[in-house]
Protein backbone atom coordinates (compact mmCIF):
# COMPACT_ATOMS: atom_id res chain seq x y z
CA UNK A 1 -27.45 9.30 -5.64
CA UNK A 2 -30.00 11.60 -5.89
CA UNK A 3 -28.95 15.52 -6.83
CA UNK A 4 -30.71 16.80 -4.17
CA UNK A 5 -29.09 14.98 -1.50
CA UNK A 6 -25.85 17.02 -0.49
CA UNK A 7 -22.43 15.96 -0.97
CA UNK A 8 -19.81 17.39 1.30
CA UNK A 9 -16.19 16.56 0.08
CA UNK A 10 -13.01 16.81 2.06
CA UNK A 11 -9.37 16.43 0.72
CA UNK A 12 -6.31 16.01 2.61
CA UNK A 13 -3.22 16.39 0.29
CA UNK A 14 -0.34 15.51 1.74
CA UNK A 15 2.88 15.20 0.80
CA UNK A 16 3.46 11.38 -0.35
CA UNK A 17 -0.62 10.47 -0.48
CA UNK A 18 -3.98 12.35 -1.10
CA UNK A 19 -7.17 11.35 0.79
CA UNK A 20 -10.63 12.49 -0.23
CA UNK A 21 -13.78 11.26 1.73
CA UNK A 22 -17.38 12.40 0.56
CA UNK A 23 -20.10 12.10 2.88
CA UNK A 24 -24.12 12.75 2.03
CA UNK A 25 -25.94 14.46 4.27
CA UNK A 26 -25.50 17.86 5.97
CA UNK A 27 -24.96 17.13 9.47
CA UNK A 28 -22.31 14.37 11.34
CA UNK A 29 -23.87 11.42 12.82
CA UNK A 30 -25.28 8.00 12.35
CA UNK A 31 -27.51 8.95 9.50
CA UNK A 32 -24.57 9.79 7.36
CA UNK A 33 -23.18 7.68 4.45
CA UNK A 34 -19.99 7.52 2.65
CA UNK A 35 -20.17 8.56 -0.93
CA UNK A 36 -16.70 8.07 -2.04
CA UNK A 37 -13.10 7.11 0.32
CA UNK A 38 -10.81 7.46 -2.49
CA UNK A 39 -6.64 7.33 -2.21
CA UNK A 40 -4.40 8.17 -4.51
CA UNK A 41 -0.40 9.29 -4.62
CA UNK A 42 -0.25 13.55 -4.56
CA UNK A 43 1.90 13.58 -7.51
CA UNK A 44 1.28 16.50 -9.76
CA UNK A 45 0.09 18.64 -6.86
CA UNK A 46 1.64 21.96 -7.22
CA UNK A 47 0.22 24.36 -4.38
CA UNK A 48 2.39 27.61 -5.44
CA UNK A 49 0.38 27.52 -9.09
CA UNK A 50 -2.97 28.42 -7.96
CA UNK A 51 -4.62 27.26 -11.22
CA UNK A 52 -2.65 24.01 -11.89
CA UNK A 53 -3.84 23.12 -8.06
CA UNK A 54 -7.28 23.76 -8.50
CA UNK A 55 -7.64 21.87 -11.87
CA UNK A 56 -5.88 18.99 -10.06
CA UNK A 57 -8.37 19.42 -7.09
CA UNK A 58 -11.47 19.11 -9.80
CA UNK A 59 -9.68 16.30 -11.83
CA UNK A 60 -9.43 14.48 -8.43
CA UNK A 61 -13.19 15.06 -7.44
CA UNK A 62 -14.33 14.04 -11.07
CA UNK A 63 -12.43 10.72 -10.76
CA UNK A 64 -13.64 9.91 -7.17
CA UNK A 65 -17.16 10.96 -6.88
CA UNK A 66 -19.86 8.65 -8.90
CA UNK A 67 -21.33 9.41 -11.97
CA UNK A 68 -23.78 12.26 -11.72
CA UNK A 69 -22.94 12.98 -7.91
CA UNK A 70 -21.76 16.69 -7.64
CA UNK A 71 -20.31 18.39 -4.40
CA UNK A 72 -22.33 20.88 -2.24
CA UNK A 73 -19.15 21.94 -0.78
CA UNK A 74 -15.35 21.11 -0.91
CA UNK A 75 -12.99 21.74 2.04
CA UNK A 76 -8.98 20.97 1.41
CA UNK A 77 -6.21 20.67 3.66
CA UNK A 78 -2.77 21.15 1.48
CA UNK A 79 0.51 20.35 1.97
CA UNK A 80 2.76 23.41 1.44
CA UNK A 81 -0.10 25.84 1.53
CA UNK A 82 2.03 28.07 3.71
CA UNK A 83 0.17 31.39 3.66
CA UNK A 84 -3.38 32.46 3.70
CA UNK A 85 -2.89 34.50 0.34
CA UNK A 86 -1.73 31.24 -1.36
CA UNK A 87 -4.88 28.86 0.41
CA UNK A 88 -7.41 32.02 -1.10
CA UNK A 89 -5.97 31.73 -4.34
CA UNK A 90 -6.36 27.91 -4.67
CA UNK A 91 -9.54 28.38 -3.29
CA UNK A 92 -10.79 31.13 -5.49
CA UNK A 93 -9.56 29.08 -8.72
CA UNK A 94 -11.38 26.02 -7.18
CA UNK A 95 -14.56 28.00 -7.10
CA UNK A 96 -14.58 29.15 -10.45
CA UNK A 97 -14.32 25.27 -11.46
CA UNK A 98 -17.29 23.92 -9.33
CA UNK A 99 -19.48 26.71 -8.44
CA UNK A 100 -19.62 25.82 -5.03
CA UNK A 101 -18.52 26.94 -1.63
CA UNK A 102 -15.11 26.27 -1.08
CA UNK A 103 -12.21 26.41 1.48
CA UNK A 104 -8.60 26.09 1.56
CA UNK A 105 -6.42 25.55 4.34
CA UNK A 106 -3.30 23.87 5.16
CA UNK A 107 -2.87 20.30 6.03
CA UNK A 108 -2.37 21.18 9.67
CA UNK A 109 -5.80 22.88 10.04
CA UNK A 110 -7.66 19.75 9.49
CA UNK A 111 -6.29 18.19 13.14
CA UNK A 112 -8.28 20.06 15.43
CA UNK A 113 -11.65 19.52 13.71
CA UNK A 114 -10.92 16.13 12.86
CA UNK A 115 -10.48 15.67 16.21
CA UNK A 116 -13.96 17.26 16.83
CA UNK A 117 -12.81 20.17 18.82
CA UNK A 118 -13.59 23.98 17.72
CA UNK A 119 -10.03 25.17 19.06
CA UNK A 120 -6.77 23.85 19.72
CA UNK A 121 -3.45 23.72 18.05
CA UNK A 122 -2.52 21.17 15.39
CA UNK A 123 0.82 19.95 15.27
CA UNK A 124 1.88 17.77 12.54
CA UNK A 125 5.38 15.41 12.20
CA UNK A 126 5.72 13.27 9.76
CA UNK A 127 8.43 13.90 6.95
CA UNK A 128 8.43 17.55 8.19
CA UNK A 129 7.11 19.48 11.17
CA UNK A 130 4.50 22.38 11.70
CA UNK A 131 2.10 23.66 13.84
CA UNK A 132 -0.81 25.95 13.29
CA UNK A 133 -3.59 27.42 15.47
CA UNK A 134 -5.99 30.77 15.67
CA UNK A 135 -6.03 33.62 17.81
CA UNK A 136 -9.23 34.68 19.57
CA UNK A 137 -10.30 36.75 16.73
CA UNK A 138 -10.06 34.07 14.11
CA UNK A 139 -6.60 34.77 12.09
CA UNK A 140 -4.81 31.73 11.73
CA UNK A 141 -0.92 31.55 13.06
CA UNK A 142 1.44 29.08 11.52
CA UNK A 143 4.92 27.73 12.75
CA UNK A 144 7.36 25.66 11.41
CA UNK A 145 7.21 23.82 8.30
CA UNK A 146 10.27 25.38 6.71
CA UNK A 147 11.54 22.40 4.82
CA UNK A 148 14.27 19.28 5.45
CA UNK A 149 17.34 22.14 4.52
CA UNK A 150 16.41 24.49 7.13
CA UNK A 151 14.13 23.41 9.04
CA UNK A 152 11.28 20.46 10.23
CA UNK A 153 13.01 19.90 12.91
CA UNK A 154 11.58 16.67 14.36
CA UNK A 155 10.05 15.40 11.47
CA UNK A 156 11.97 12.13 9.91
CA UNK A 157 14.06 14.29 7.47
CA UNK A 158 14.77 16.59 10.24
CA UNK A 159 15.80 13.90 12.41
CA UNK A 160 18.28 12.54 10.00
CA UNK A 161 19.76 15.77 9.00
CA UNK A 162 20.38 16.01 13.28
CA UNK A 163 21.65 12.80 13.16
CA UNK A 164 24.25 13.36 10.69
CA UNK A 165 25.36 16.55 12.04
CA UNK A 166 25.70 14.71 15.57
CA UNK A 167 27.99 11.91 13.92
CA UNK A 168 30.29 14.72 12.11
CA UNK A 169 30.57 16.35 15.45
CA UNK A 170 31.40 12.93 17.19
CA UNK A 171 33.93 12.27 14.25
CA UNK A 172 35.88 15.90 14.42
CA UNK A 173 35.83 15.13 18.45
CA UNK A 174 37.90 11.61 17.35
CA UNK A 175 35.15 9.34 18.91
CA UNK A 176 34.61 6.34 17.71
CA UNK A 177 31.76 5.13 15.60
CA UNK A 178 28.57 3.80 17.53
CA UNK A 179 25.35 2.24 16.70
CA UNK A 180 24.10 5.36 14.87
CA UNK A 181 26.99 5.91 12.57
CA UNK A 182 26.40 2.07 11.69
CA UNK A 183 23.02 2.19 11.25
CA UNK A 184 23.13 5.69 8.82
CA UNK A 185 26.25 4.47 6.85
CA UNK A 186 24.57 1.32 6.08
CA UNK A 187 21.04 3.06 4.96
CA UNK A 188 23.25 5.55 3.01
CA UNK A 189 24.93 2.88 1.31
CA UNK A 190 28.34 5.18 1.89
CA UNK A 191 31.97 3.66 3.57
CA UNK A 192 32.29 6.07 6.36
CA UNK A 193 30.83 8.94 8.28
CA UNK A 194 32.71 11.76 6.27
CA UNK A 195 30.84 10.58 3.12
CA UNK A 196 27.18 11.15 4.75
CA UNK A 197 27.77 14.73 3.69
CA UNK A 198 27.78 13.95 0.10
CA UNK A 199 25.29 11.41 0.29
CA UNK A 200 22.73 14.10 2.01
CA UNK A 201 23.94 16.76 -0.46
CA UNK A 202 23.19 14.52 -3.96
CA UNK A 203 19.43 14.05 -2.89
CA UNK A 204 17.18 16.05 -5.43
CA UNK A 205 14.38 15.75 -2.85
CA UNK A 206 15.77 15.93 0.58
CA UNK A 207 12.54 15.66 2.70
CA UNK A 208 11.48 12.25 0.68
CA UNK A 209 15.02 10.93 0.37
CA UNK A 210 16.18 11.93 3.79
CA UNK A 211 13.30 11.32 5.88
CA UNK A 212 13.03 7.31 5.03
CA UNK A 213 16.33 6.56 6.76
CA UNK A 214 14.53 7.84 10.15
CA UNK A 215 13.74 4.16 11.01
CA UNK A 216 17.64 3.79 11.45
CA UNK A 217 17.91 6.68 14.06
CA UNK A 218 15.10 5.04 16.31
CA UNK A 219 17.08 1.78 15.62
CA UNK A 220 20.18 3.08 16.60
CA UNK A 221 18.68 4.37 19.91
CA UNK A 222 17.13 1.39 20.45
CA UNK A 223 20.95 -0.29 19.85
CA UNK A 224 21.68 1.77 22.93
CA UNK A 225 23.43 5.03 20.69
CA UNK A 226 23.48 7.77 23.49
CA UNK A 227 24.13 10.01 20.15
CA UNK A 228 20.73 8.68 18.55
CA UNK A 229 18.54 9.33 21.90
CA UNK A 230 20.02 12.71 21.89
CA UNK A 231 18.73 13.41 18.76
CA UNK A 232 15.38 11.84 19.22
CA UNK A 233 14.90 13.94 22.46
CA UNK A 234 15.89 16.99 20.71
CA UNK A 235 13.83 16.53 18.23
CA UNK A 236 11.07 16.17 20.93
CA UNK A 237 11.76 19.37 22.50
CA UNK A 238 11.80 21.03 18.98
CA UNK A 239 7.84 19.89 18.21
CA UNK A 240 7.34 21.39 21.68
CA UNK A 241 8.78 24.36 20.97
CA UNK A 242 6.31 25.05 18.19
CA UNK A 243 3.79 25.08 20.63
CA UNK A 244 5.42 27.27 22.82
CA UNK A 245 5.66 29.84 19.99
CA UNK A 246 1.98 29.82 19.28
CA UNK A 247 1.37 30.50 22.75
CA UNK A 248 3.71 33.39 22.89
CA UNK A 249 1.81 34.61 19.79
CA UNK A 250 -1.30 34.47 21.57
CA UNK A 251 -2.99 31.52 20.29
CA UNK A 252 -4.96 29.21 22.65
CA UNK A 253 -3.00 26.09 23.26
CA UNK A 254 -5.01 24.32 26.05
CA UNK A 255 -5.72 21.14 23.29
CA UNK A 256 -2.41 20.35 20.80
CA UNK A 257 -3.93 17.70 18.30
CA UNK A 258 -0.94 15.48 17.40
CA UNK A 259 -0.72 13.58 13.94
CA UNK A 260 2.03 12.51 11.76
CA UNK A 261 3.55 9.49 10.30
CA UNK A 262 6.68 9.70 12.64
CA UNK A 263 5.55 11.27 16.14
CA UNK A 264 2.64 8.78 16.51
CA UNK A 265 4.32 5.63 15.14
CA UNK A 266 7.67 6.35 16.98
CA UNK A 267 6.93 6.12 21.07
CA UNK A 268 10.61 7.44 21.73
CA UNK A 269 9.97 10.61 19.93
CA UNK A 270 6.43 11.10 21.10
CA UNK A 271 7.34 10.41 24.55
CA UNK A 272 10.24 13.21 24.18
CA UNK A 273 7.69 15.42 22.99
CA UNK A 274 5.19 15.30 25.97
CA UNK A 275 7.73 15.46 28.43
CA UNK A 276 8.87 18.82 26.89
CA UNK A 277 5.60 20.03 26.21
CA UNK A 278 4.49 19.63 29.70
CA UNK A 279 7.70 20.93 31.23
CA UNK A 280 7.16 24.49 29.38
CA UNK A 281 3.22 24.65 29.13
CA UNK A 282 1.99 22.28 31.70
CA UNK A 283 -1.64 23.36 31.21
CA UNK A 284 -1.01 21.78 27.38
CA UNK A 285 -2.77 18.57 26.69
CA UNK A 286 -1.86 16.68 23.69
CA UNK A 287 -4.23 14.62 22.03
CA UNK A 288 -3.22 11.94 19.53
CA UNK A 289 -5.01 11.68 16.22
CA UNK A 290 -6.88 8.41 15.71
CA UNK A 291 -8.58 9.08 13.01
CA UNK A 292 -7.61 10.24 9.34
CA UNK A 293 -7.15 13.65 9.08
CA UNK A 294 -9.59 13.99 6.07
CA UNK A 295 -11.97 13.83 8.70
CA UNK A 296 -11.45 17.44 9.97
CA UNK A 297 -11.91 18.33 5.35
CA UNK A 298 -15.29 16.35 5.75
CA UNK A 299 -16.35 18.20 8.94
CA UNK A 300 -15.00 22.00 7.54
CA UNK A 301 -17.12 21.01 4.25
CA UNK A 302 -19.99 19.90 5.92
CA UNK A 303 -19.94 23.36 7.71
CA UNK A 304 -19.89 25.03 4.69
CA UNK A 305 -22.56 23.00 2.85
CA UNK A 306 -24.96 23.75 5.72
CA UNK A 307 -24.29 27.34 6.36
CA UNK A 308 -23.74 28.47 2.76
CA UNK A 309 -26.26 29.92 0.71
CA UNK A 310 -25.87 32.98 -1.79
CA UNK A 311 -22.41 34.67 -2.30
CA UNK A 312 -19.54 32.76 -0.65
CA UNK A 313 -17.60 34.60 1.97
CA UNK A 314 -13.97 32.99 2.99
CA UNK A 315 -14.13 32.99 6.74
CA UNK A 316 -10.96 33.53 8.91
CA UNK A 317 -8.39 33.98 5.84
């Protein structure tokens, strides 16, 4: 790779894995070429320590790019980058290390550009759940994403939490255990419904440890459990409510780009979400994302490399 060829680097740092993609050339299209396409675990990502996060990203870029290749611009969508201030601190530290235009946003902000759109809402429902959009003036608004213990309704961890709550309520009513009880008891390796509380509370990483049992909730629904079906329906409504909250704050919600390892692989949850969205906001158009979110990071990096020359400004943050 010649030094004169600009390389746009996009990075999607997820809660579990990180995807880096680097492309040569400033403009998208048939002439672009992939310089690197690299996936690794997100272990070591510390978004609340800007210096550490920037060093982690710089090391990843050095690891992934061919020897002698340097980025012309870098855009990052970071898991748990929750505020503009936090994103700006990481961006500033990364720019200091690399000396090229950089942009850092929350990972949900990659969805709209990944879908080839200029505006819209990005909704993620994987282990957790979050939605993000921009006001007409450009300011970012994020809702949800409060973690497995207090929020993330509609994400896999939140579904498991709500399934356990539904089982405890049924137990208190004296209802006999149904398929959801059987599935969760087996998944957590406990003898009875009351023991689920200790199993959930013992988790050292609730999001990951609870979330991996979400398939049991969907399997129970397929087995005919009314409780599981209710939990899934409520999860879909909770995801739609994130979009409703954004609309209430003035964010344009005509297009809703949907991604995540739970909502896009579980048709029951996606249908519950789209039904609830159609009822609450008939004009909103859900769009399942069919490309990796890292494509949005690459698009943002390309826009930086094309537009930036001289001092760096940080738009819309």
